[in-house]
């Protein structure tokens, strides 16, 4: 696992989760203009959990 600083999407209707793994396809699909740093008080992405 390649852990990265937590980030999430601030796009309306996006999943309410944060990501912290650079191998997470869901996190990698977030469009650059919607990337936000930190967890945003959200739970960790299930895909990131499985990659841990």
PDB file of N, CA and C in Angstrom:
ATOM      1  N   UNK A   1       0.839  -1.182   0.000  1.00  0.00           N
ATOM      2  CA  UNK A   1       0.000   0.000   0.000  1.00  0.00           C
ATOM      3  C   UNK A   1       0.877   1.235   0.000  1.00  0.00           C
ATOM      4  N   UNK A   2       0.506   2.182  -0.808  1.00  0.00           N
ATOM      5  CA  UNK A   2       1.190   3.468  -0.810  1.00  0.00           C
ATOM      6  C   UNK A   2       0.261   4.486  -0.165  1.00  0.00           C
ATOM      7  N   UNK A   3       0.484   4.726   1.098  1.00  0.00           N
ATOM      8  CA  UNK A   3      -0.369   5.642   1.843  1.00  0.00           C
ATOM      9  C   UNK A   3      -0.032   7.077   1.432  1.00  0.00           C
ATOM     10  N   UNK A   4      -1.065   7.856   1.212  1.00  0.00           N
ATOM     11  CA  UNK A   4      -0.919   9.265   0.856  1.00  0.00           C
ATOM     12  C   UNK A   4      -1.741  10.083   1.851  1.00  0.00           C
ATOM     13  N   UNK A   5      -1.514  11.389   1.916  1.00  0.00           N
ATOM     14  CA  UNK A   5      -2.334  12.204   2.813  1.00  0.00           C
ATOM     15  C   UNK A   5      -3.813  12.065   2.437  1.00  0.00           C
ATOM     16  N   UNK A   6      -4.702  12.037   3.419  1.00  0.00           N
ATOM     17  CA  UNK A   6      -6.132  11.861   3.137  1.00  0.00           C
ATOM     18  C   UNK A   6      -6.676  12.953   2.217  1.00  0.00           C
ATOM     19  N   UNK A   7      -7.611  12.555   1.375  1.00  0.00           N
ATOM     20  CA  UNK A   7      -8.293  13.490   0.482  1.00  0.00           C
ATOM     21  C   UNK A   7      -9.700  12.973   0.219  1.00  0.00           C
ATOM     22  N   UNK A   8     -10.562  13.865  -0.232  1.00  0.00           N
ATOM     23  CA  UNK A   8     -11.932  13.491  -0.546  1.00  0.00           C
ATOM     24  C   UNK A   8     -12.440  14.349  -1.695  1.00  0.00           C
ATOM     25  N   UNK A   9     -13.633  14.037  -2.159  1.00  0.00           N
ATOM     26  CA  UNK A   9     -14.239  14.806  -3.238  1.00  0.00           C
ATOM     27  C   UNK A   9     -15.257  15.776  -2.654  1.00  0.00           C
ATOM     28  N   UNK A  10     -15.238  17.003  -3.155  1.00  0.00           N
ATOM     29  CA  UNK A  10     -16.256  17.969  -2.736  1.00  0.00           C
ATOM     30  C   UNK A  10     -17.305  18.168  -3.833  1.00  0.00           C
ATOM     31  N   UNK A  11     -17.360  17.214  -4.763  1.00  0.00           N
ATOM     32  CA  UNK A  11     -18.345  17.267  -5.840  1.00  0.00           C
ATOM     33  C   UNK A  11     -19.727  16.926  -5.273  1.00  0.00           C
ATOM     34  N   UNK A  12     -20.748  17.697  -5.651  1.00  0.00           N
ATOM     35  CA  UNK A  12     -22.093  17.363  -5.187  1.00  0.00           C
ATOM     36  C   UNK A  12     -22.455  15.932  -5.590  1.00  0.00           C
ATOM     37  N   UNK A  13     -23.092  15.220  -4.712  1.00  0.00           N
ATOM     38  CA  UNK A  13     -23.536  13.840  -4.922  1.00  0.00           C
ATOM     39  C   UNK A  13     -22.403  12.822  -4.977  1.00  0.00           C
ATOM     40  N   UNK A  14     -21.178  13.206  -4.613  1.00  0.00           N
ATOM     41  CA  UNK A  14     -20.065  12.251  -4.558  1.00  0.00           C
ATOM     42  C   UNK A  14     -20.238  11.383  -3.318  1.00  0.00           C
ATOM     43  N   UNK A  15     -19.602  10.212  -3.321  1.00  0.00           N
ATOM     44  CA  UNK A  15     -19.626   9.351  -2.141  1.00  0.00           C
ATOM     45  C   UNK A  15     -19.062  10.121  -0.959  1.00  0.00           C
ATOM     46  N   UNK A  16     -19.653   9.917   0.185  1.00  0.00           N
ATOM     47  CA  UNK A  16     -19.263  10.637   1.395  1.00  0.00           C
ATOM     48  C   UNK A  16     -18.163   9.875   2.139  1.00  0.00           C
ATOM     49  N   UNK A  17     -17.004   9.714   1.478  1.00  0.00           N
ATOM     50  CA  UNK A  17     -15.867   8.990   2.052  1.00  0.00           C
ATOM     51  C   UNK A  17     -14.575   9.736   1.744  1.00  0.00           C
ATOM     52  N   UNK A  18     -13.514   9.357   2.476  1.00  0.00           N
ATOM     53  CA  UNK A  18     -12.195   9.894   2.143  1.00  0.00           C
ATOM     54  C   UNK A  18     -11.303   8.749   1.679  1.00  0.00           C
ATOM     55  N   UNK A  19     -10.208   9.098   1.037  1.00  0.00           N
ATOM     56  CA  UNK A  19      -9.258   8.133   0.487  1.00  0.00           C
ATOM     57  C   UNK A  19      -7.871   8.444   1.041  1.00  0.00           C
ATOM     58  N   UNK A  20      -7.032   7.392   1.167  1.00  0.00           N
ATOM     59  CA  UNK A  20      -5.649   7.603   1.620  1.00  0.00           C
ATOM     60  C   UNK A  20      -4.700   6.574   1.013  1.00  0.00           C
ATOM     61  N   UNK A  21      -5.059   6.049  -0.146  1.00  0.00           N
ATOM     62  CA  UNK A  21      -4.228   5.058  -0.819  1.00  0.00           C
ATOM     63  C   UNK A  21      -4.149   5.428  -2.293  1.00  0.00           C
ATOM     64  N   UNK A  22      -2.931   5.528  -2.830  1.00  0.00           N
ATOM     65  CA  UNK A  22      -2.795   5.939  -4.232  1.00  0.00           C
ATOM     66  C   UNK A  22      -3.150   4.828  -5.218  1.00  0.00           C
ATOM     67  N   UNK A  23      -3.455   3.635  -4.730  1.00  0.00           N
ATOM     68  CA  UNK A  23      -3.892   2.540  -5.602  1.00  0.00           C
ATOM     69  C   UNK A  23      -5.418   2.436  -5.672  1.00  0.00           C
ATOM     70  N   UNK A  24      -6.125   3.273  -4.935  1.00  0.00           N
ATOM     71  CA  UNK A  24      -7.590   3.246  -4.911  1.00  0.00           C
ATOM     72  C   UNK A  24      -8.140   3.821  -6.213  1.00  0.00           C
ATOM     73  N   UNK A  25      -8.837   2.991  -6.970  1.00  0.00           N
ATOM     74  CA  UNK A  25      -9.374   3.459  -8.254  1.00  0.00           C
ATOM     75  C   UNK A  25     -10.462   4.502  -8.055  1.00  0.00           C
ATOM     76  N   UNK A  26     -11.247   4.366  -6.992  1.00  0.00           N
ATOM     77  CA  UNK A  26     -12.298   5.366  -6.730  1.00  0.00           C
ATOM     78  C   UNK A  26     -11.675   6.732  -6.453  1.00  0.00           C
ATOM     79  N   UNK A  27     -10.644   6.749  -5.619  1.00  0.00           N
ATOM     80  CA  UNK A  27      -9.968   8.004  -5.302  1.00  0.00           C
ATOM     81  C   UNK A  27      -9.263   8.588  -6.517  1.00  0.00           C
ATOM     82  N   UNK A  28      -8.676   7.722  -7.327  1.00  0.00           N
ATOM     83  CA  UNK A  28      -7.960   8.190  -8.516  1.00  0.00           C
ATOM     84  C   UNK A  28      -8.904   8.730  -9.586  1.00  0.00           C
ATOM     85  N   UNK A  29     -10.178   8.384  -9.507  1.00  0.00           N
ATOM     86  CA  UNK A  29     -11.147   8.866 -10.494  1.00  0.00           C
ATOM     87  C   UNK A  29     -11.746  10.221 -10.143  1.00  0.00           C
ATOM     88  N   UNK A  30     -11.391  10.784  -8.999  1.00  0.00           N
ATOM     89  CA  UNK A  30     -11.912  12.103  -8.624  1.00  0.00           C
ATOM     90  C   UNK A  30     -11.278  13.144  -9.542  1.00  0.00           C
ATOM     91  N   UNK A  31     -12.121  13.956 -10.150  1.00  0.00           N
ATOM     92  CA  UNK A  31     -11.625  15.007 -11.039  1.00  0.00           C
ATOM     93  C   UNK A  31     -10.878  16.055 -10.229  1.00  0.00           C
ATOM     94  N   UNK A  32      -9.785  16.536 -10.794  1.00  0.00           N
ATOM     95  CA  UNK A  32      -8.879  17.448 -10.086  1.00  0.00           C
ATOM     96  C   UNK A  32      -9.607  18.641  -9.455  1.00  0.00           C
ATOM     97  N   UNK A  33     -10.579  19.207 -10.147  1.00  0.00           N
ATOM     98  CA  UNK A  33     -11.246  20.396  -9.609  1.00  0.00           C
ATOM     99  C   UNK A  33     -12.091  20.083  -8.371  1.00  0.00           C
ATOM    100  N   UNK A  34     -12.365  18.803  -8.115  1.00  0.00           N
ATOM    101  CA  UNK A  34     -13.163  18.411  -6.953  1.00  0.00           C
ATOM    102  C   UNK A  34     -12.330  17.813  -5.821  1.00  0.00           C
ATOM    103  N   UNK A  35     -11.016  17.734  -5.985  1.00  0.00           N
ATOM    104  CA  UNK A  35     -10.163  17.194  -4.926  1.00  0.00           C
ATOM    105  C   UNK A  35     -10.082  18.164  -3.755  1.00  0.00           C
ATOM    106  N   UNK A  36     -10.263  17.625  -2.568  1.00  0.00           N
ATOM    107  CA  UNK A  36     -10.150  18.430  -1.356  1.00  0.00           C
ATOM    108  C   UNK A  36      -9.260  17.682  -0.369  1.00  0.00           C
ATOM    109  N   UNK A  37      -8.371  18.381   0.327  1.00  0.00           N
ATOM    110  CA  UNK A  37      -7.494  17.713   1.286  1.00  0.00           C
ATOM    111  C   UNK A  37      -8.235  17.319   2.559  1.00  0.00           C
ATOM    112  N   UNK A  38      -7.716  16.313   3.234  1.00  0.00           N
ATOM    113  CA  UNK A  38      -8.255  15.906   4.530  1.00  0.00           C
ATOM    114  C   UNK A  38      -9.381  14.897   4.429  1.00  0.00           C
ATOM    115  N   UNK A  39      -9.864  14.500   5.593  1.00  0.00           N
ATOM    116  CA  UNK A  39     -10.926  13.494   5.657  1.00  0.00           C
ATOM    117  C   UNK A  39     -12.307  14.098   5.520  1.00  0.00           C
ATOM    118  N   UNK A  40     -12.434  15.373   5.804  1.00  0.00           N
ATOM    119  CA  UNK A  40     -13.744  16.017   5.759  1.00  0.00           C
ATOM    120  C   UNK A  40     -14.709  15.433   6.780  1.00  0.00           C
ATOM    121  N   UNK A  41     -14.177  14.744   7.811  1.00  0.00           N
ATOM    122  CA  UNK A  41     -15.026  14.134   8.821  1.00  0.00           C
ATOM    123  C   UNK A  41     -15.784  12.921   8.307  1.00  0.00           C
ATOM    124  N   UNK A  42     -15.311  12.367   7.209  1.00  0.00           N
ATOM    125  CA  UNK A  42     -15.979  11.244   6.546  1.00  0.00           C
ATOM    126  C   UNK A  42     -15.315   9.922   6.917  1.00  0.00           C
ATOM    127  N   UNK A  43     -16.018   8.806   6.746  1.00  0.00           N
ATOM    128  CA  UNK A  43     -15.383   7.504   6.967  1.00  0.00           C
ATOM    129  C   UNK A  43     -14.444   7.162   5.820  1.00  0.00           C
ATOM    130  N   UNK A  44     -13.547   6.236   6.078  1.00  0.00           N
ATOM    131  CA  UNK A  44     -12.584   5.804   5.068  1.00  0.00           C
ATOM    132  C   UNK A  44     -13.280   4.974   3.984  1.00  0.00           C
ATOM    133  N   UNK A  45     -12.850   5.146   2.771  1.00  0.00           N
ATOM    134  CA  UNK A  45     -13.357   4.408   1.612  1.00  0.00           C
ATOM    135  C   UNK A  45     -13.170   2.904   1.812  1.00  0.00           C
ATOM    136  N   UNK A  46     -14.186   2.110   1.462  1.00  0.00           N
ATOM    137  CA  UNK A  46     -14.104   0.653   1.598  1.00  0.00           C
ATOM    138  C   UNK A  46     -12.971   0.071   0.735  1.00  0.00           C
ATOM    139  N   UNK A  47     -12.760   0.641  -0.441  1.00  0.00           N
ATOM    140  CA  UNK A  47     -11.689   0.156  -1.303  1.00  0.00           C
ATOM    141  C   UNK A  47     -10.329   0.422  -0.652  1.00  0.00           C
ATOM    142  N   UNK A  48     -10.152   1.586  -0.069  1.00  0.00           N
ATOM    143  CA  UNK A  48      -8.908   1.893   0.658  1.00  0.00           C
ATOM    144  C   UNK A  48      -8.733   0.918   1.824  1.00  0.00           C
ATOM    145  N   UNK A  49      -9.824   0.587   2.508  1.00  0.00           N
ATOM    146  CA  UNK A  49      -9.759  -0.385   3.607  1.00  0.00           C
ATOM    147  C   UNK A  49      -9.265  -1.731   3.118  1.00  0.00           C
ATOM    148  N   UNK A  50      -9.766  -2.191   1.992  1.00  0.00           N
ATOM    149  CA  UNK A  50      -9.371  -3.489   1.459  1.00  0.00           C
ATOM    150  C   UNK A  50      -7.904  -3.491   1.014  1.00  0.00           C
ATOM    151  N   UNK A  51      -7.412  -2.347   0.563  1.00  0.00           N
ATOM    152  CA  UNK A  51      -6.026  -2.255   0.112  1.00  0.00           C
ATOM    153  C   UNK A  51      -5.031  -2.189   1.265  1.00  0.00           C
ATOM    154  N   UNK A  52      -5.524  -1.875   2.451  1.00  0.00           N
ATOM    155  CA  UNK A  52      -4.649  -1.712   3.618  1.00  0.00           C
ATOM    156  C   UNK A  52      -3.980  -3.000   4.020  1.00  0.00           C
TER     157      UNK A  52
END
